[in-house]
Amino acid sequence: MIEIDSWSIEIHLENDYSIGSVDNIRRYDNLYYADDCNKQNVVELIGIRCTVTGTNALLLADGSPKGLNQSSFIIHGEKIIVCVGNNLFCLNLNDLSLLWTLRCDDSCCFRIFSFENYYLVQGELAISAVTYDGKKLWDFYGKDIFVTPDGNDEIVFSDGRIYIKDWDYNEYVLDRDSILISN
């Protein structure tokens, strides 16, 4: 569970949740599936609950599961954007209504960042730039997956540039428009 005090929000990894079961630990009033989600192959479920209003939502996606951590979501104004499976979900924080979803990777989305004037998503296979209203600007693919064996500093931002490492420690330097500066 991750708590966000300023919004009284709890986020839970709910991969043991069974739709329609009375045996679930938590109940969700709103179930949101990713666009084009194979509902027979949901692999990641993330629950969001406002502890003040009682509003709640369960986000469901296919792709590959990756878990939940502080980099799996970002608060931007009155929105929360969450990586779930291979998708991003954007919800209004006031009522947890779904604003948009977007598939950003063929496998899974690990982390989301705010960079320049868009969101940057670190997926397993792609780095994606997404506008604040959920439109994909670009994808960048490397020679291998965008994680390193030691899990350290796969992506760093400095001087308006994006520094990315893949599994073999190949380093890519991109500008804000995904132009490869060096490799």
Protein backbone atom coordinates (compact mmCIF):
# COMPACT_ATOMS: atom_id res chain seq x y z
CA MET A 1 0.00 0.00 0.00
CA ILE A 2 1.18 3.51 -0.80
CA GLU A 3 -0.44 6.49 0.93
CA ILE A 4 -0.51 9.99 -0.54
CA ASP A 5 -1.34 12.30 2.36
CA SER A 6 -2.09 15.50 0.47
CA TRP A 7 -5.01 13.79 -1.30
CA SER A 8 -5.87 11.13 1.31
CA ILE A 9 -5.33 8.46 -1.34
CA GLU A 10 -4.29 4.84 -0.86
CA ILE A 11 -2.96 2.74 -3.73
CA HIS A 12 -2.94 -1.04 -3.46
CA LEU A 13 -1.58 -3.81 -5.66
CA GLU A 14 -4.64 -6.05 -6.01
CA ASN A 15 -3.42 -8.99 -8.11
CA ASP A 16 -5.31 -11.42 -5.83
CA TYR A 17 -8.60 -9.56 -6.42
CA SER A 18 -11.27 -11.71 -8.06
CA ILE A 19 -13.96 -9.83 -9.97
CA GLY A 20 -17.42 -10.62 -8.60
CA SER A 21 -16.13 -12.49 -5.55
CA VAL A 22 -17.47 -11.70 -2.08
CA ASP A 23 -14.15 -12.88 -0.59
CA ASN A 24 -12.11 -9.85 -1.73
CA ILE A 25 -10.45 -7.86 1.06
CA ARG A 26 -11.54 -4.57 -0.52
CA ARG A 27 -14.57 -3.74 -2.69
CA TYR A 28 -14.39 -1.40 -5.70
CA ASP A 29 -17.31 0.52 -7.17
CA ASN A 30 -15.54 1.47 -10.40
CA LEU A 31 -13.63 -1.01 -12.58
CA TYR A 32 -11.62 0.56 -15.40
CA TYR A 33 -10.03 -1.62 -18.08
CA ALA A 34 -7.24 -0.38 -20.29
CA ASP A 35 -8.23 0.33 -23.89
CA ASP A 36 -7.93 -2.84 -26.00
CA CYS A 37 -7.36 -4.88 -22.83
CA ASN A 38 -7.79 -8.62 -23.21
CA LYS A 39 -10.20 -9.08 -20.29
CA GLN A 40 -9.40 -12.81 -20.20
CA ASN A 41 -5.71 -12.03 -19.64
CA VAL A 42 -5.67 -9.26 -17.01
CA VAL A 43 -2.29 -9.52 -15.27
CA GLU A 44 -2.16 -6.41 -13.11
CA LEU A 45 -4.81 -4.81 -10.93
CA ILE A 46 -4.22 -1.64 -8.95
CA GLY A 47 -6.79 -0.23 -6.56
CA ILE A 48 -7.08 3.43 -5.66
CA ARG A 49 -9.15 4.62 -2.73
CA CYS A 50 -9.87 8.10 -1.37
CA THR A 51 -10.07 7.68 2.40
CA VAL A 52 -12.01 10.96 2.85
CA THR A 53 -14.77 10.59 0.24
CA GLY A 54 -14.81 6.79 -0.01
CA THR A 55 -14.55 6.90 -3.80
CA ASN A 56 -12.56 4.06 -5.27
CA ALA A 57 -11.48 2.50 -8.54
CA LEU A 58 -9.80 -0.67 -9.71
CA LEU A 59 -7.49 -0.34 -12.72
CA LEU A 60 -7.06 -3.49 -14.82
CA ALA A 61 -4.56 -4.12 -17.62
CA ASP A 62 -2.87 -6.83 -19.59
CA GLY A 63 0.80 -6.95 -20.59
CA SER A 64 3.27 -7.97 -17.89
CA PRO A 65 2.92 -7.24 -14.18
CA LYS A 66 5.59 -5.05 -12.59
CA GLY A 67 4.34 -4.29 -9.09
CA LEU A 68 3.80 -0.97 -7.38
CA ASN A 69 6.29 1.60 -6.12
CA GLN A 70 6.67 5.38 -5.68
CA SER A 71 7.66 5.76 -9.36
CA SER A 72 4.62 3.85 -10.67
CA PHE A 73 2.44 6.95 -10.48
CA ILE A 74 2.60 10.71 -10.55
CA ILE A 75 0.28 13.41 -9.20
CA HIS A 76 -0.16 16.26 -11.67
CA GLY A 77 -2.55 18.99 -10.58
CA GLU A 78 -5.85 17.26 -9.81
CA LYS A 79 -4.93 14.10 -11.73
CA ILE A 80 -3.17 10.88 -10.85
CA ILE A 81 -1.43 8.99 -13.65
CA VAL A 82 -0.63 5.35 -12.87
CA CYS A 83 1.42 2.68 -14.67
CA VAL A 84 -0.61 -0.54 -14.76
CA GLY A 85 0.66 -3.46 -16.84
CA ASN A 86 1.59 -2.00 -20.21
CA ASN A 87 -0.72 1.02 -19.90
CA LEU A 88 -1.09 4.41 -18.30
CA PHE A 89 -4.34 5.33 -16.57
CA CYS A 90 -5.23 8.94 -15.82
CA LEU A 91 -7.90 9.63 -13.19
CA ASN A 92 -9.41 12.78 -11.76
CA LEU A 93 -8.37 12.87 -8.09
CA ASN A 94 -11.59 14.57 -6.96
CA ASP A 95 -13.90 11.69 -7.89
CA LEU A 96 -11.54 9.02 -9.32
CA SER A 97 -13.30 9.15 -12.69
CA LEU A 98 -11.32 7.82 -15.63
CA LEU A 99 -9.99 10.53 -17.95
CA TRP A 100 -7.96 8.38 -20.35
CA THR A 101 -5.85 5.25 -20.81
CA LEU A 102 -2.95 4.68 -23.18
CA ARG A 103 -0.85 1.64 -24.06
CA CYS A 104 2.78 2.75 -23.80
CA ASP A 105 4.72 -0.51 -24.08
CA ASP A 106 4.25 -3.99 -25.52
CA SER A 107 5.34 -5.54 -22.22
CA CYS A 108 5.05 -3.31 -19.13
CA CYS A 109 5.42 0.25 -17.90
CA PHE A 110 7.82 0.58 -14.96
CA ARG A 111 7.92 4.27 -14.11
CA ILE A 112 6.45 7.64 -15.04
CA PHE A 113 8.10 11.06 -14.79
CA SER A 114 7.17 14.62 -15.55
CA PHE A 115 9.72 15.96 -18.04
CA GLU A 116 9.64 19.31 -19.84
CA ASN A 117 5.95 19.69 -20.75
CA TYR A 118 4.91 16.02 -20.98
CA TYR A 119 5.05 12.68 -19.17
CA LEU A 120 7.92 10.31 -19.86
CA VAL A 121 7.21 6.61 -19.37
CA GLN A 122 9.96 4.05 -18.86
CA GLY A 123 8.65 0.80 -20.26
CA GLU A 124 10.51 -2.45 -20.55
CA LEU A 125 10.85 -2.13 -24.33
CA ALA A 126 10.18 1.54 -25.04
CA ILE A 127 10.60 5.01 -23.63
CA SER A 128 7.43 6.97 -24.43
CA ALA A 129 6.53 10.64 -24.28
CA VAL A 130 2.86 11.35 -23.56
CA THR A 131 1.03 14.69 -23.54
CA TYR A 132 -0.87 15.76 -20.46
CA ASP A 133 -4.13 14.84 -22.24
CA GLY A 134 -3.01 11.29 -23.10
CA LYS A 135 -1.67 11.53 -26.64
CA LYS A 136 1.55 9.72 -27.48
CA LEU A 137 4.24 12.05 -28.86
CA TRP A 138 6.94 9.48 -29.53
CA ASP A 139 8.46 6.12 -28.63
CA PHE A 140 12.15 5.25 -28.47
CA TYR A 141 13.42 1.66 -28.66
CA GLY A 142 16.97 0.59 -27.84
CA LYS A 143 19.05 -2.52 -28.46
CA ASP A 144 17.75 -4.29 -25.35
CA ILE A 145 15.26 -3.82 -22.50
CA PHE A 146 15.36 -0.60 -20.46
CA VAL A 147 16.43 -2.07 -17.15
CA THR A 148 19.95 -2.78 -15.96
CA PRO A 149 20.99 -5.97 -14.15
CA ASP A 150 21.73 -3.96 -10.99
CA GLY A 151 18.55 -1.86 -11.31
CA ASN A 152 20.39 1.42 -10.81
CA ASP A 153 19.87 4.66 -12.74
CA GLU A 154 18.39 3.29 -15.95
CA ILE A 155 17.06 6.77 -16.69
CA VAL A 156 18.42 10.16 -15.62
CA PHE A 157 17.40 13.70 -16.62
CA SER A 158 19.99 16.44 -16.87
CA ASP A 159 20.29 19.70 -18.83
CA GLY A 160 17.11 19.00 -20.82
CA ARG A 161 18.39 15.61 -21.94
CA ILE A 162 17.33 12.06 -21.19
CA TYR A 163 20.07 9.55 -20.36
CA ILE A 164 18.94 5.94 -20.65
CA LYS A 165 20.72 2.62 -20.09
CA ASP A 166 19.61 -0.79 -21.29
CA TRP A 167 20.31 -4.31 -19.99
CA ASP A 168 23.78 -4.40 -21.58
CA TYR A 169 24.56 -0.91 -20.19
CA ASN A 170 24.35 0.67 -23.64
CA GLU A 171 23.73 4.35 -22.96
CA TYR A 172 21.44 6.52 -25.08
CA VAL A 173 21.18 10.27 -24.85
CA LEU A 174 17.96 11.79 -26.19
CA ASP A 175 16.76 15.32 -26.52
CA ARG A 176 13.19 16.25 -25.59
CA ASP A 177 11.95 15.31 -29.09
CA SER A 178 13.47 11.77 -28.98
CA ILE A 179 16.35 12.72 -31.25
CA LEU A 180 19.25 10.40 -30.45
CA ILE A 181 22.20 12.62 -29.57
CA SER A 182 24.67 9.86 -28.79
CA ASN A 183 24.83 6.12 -28.39
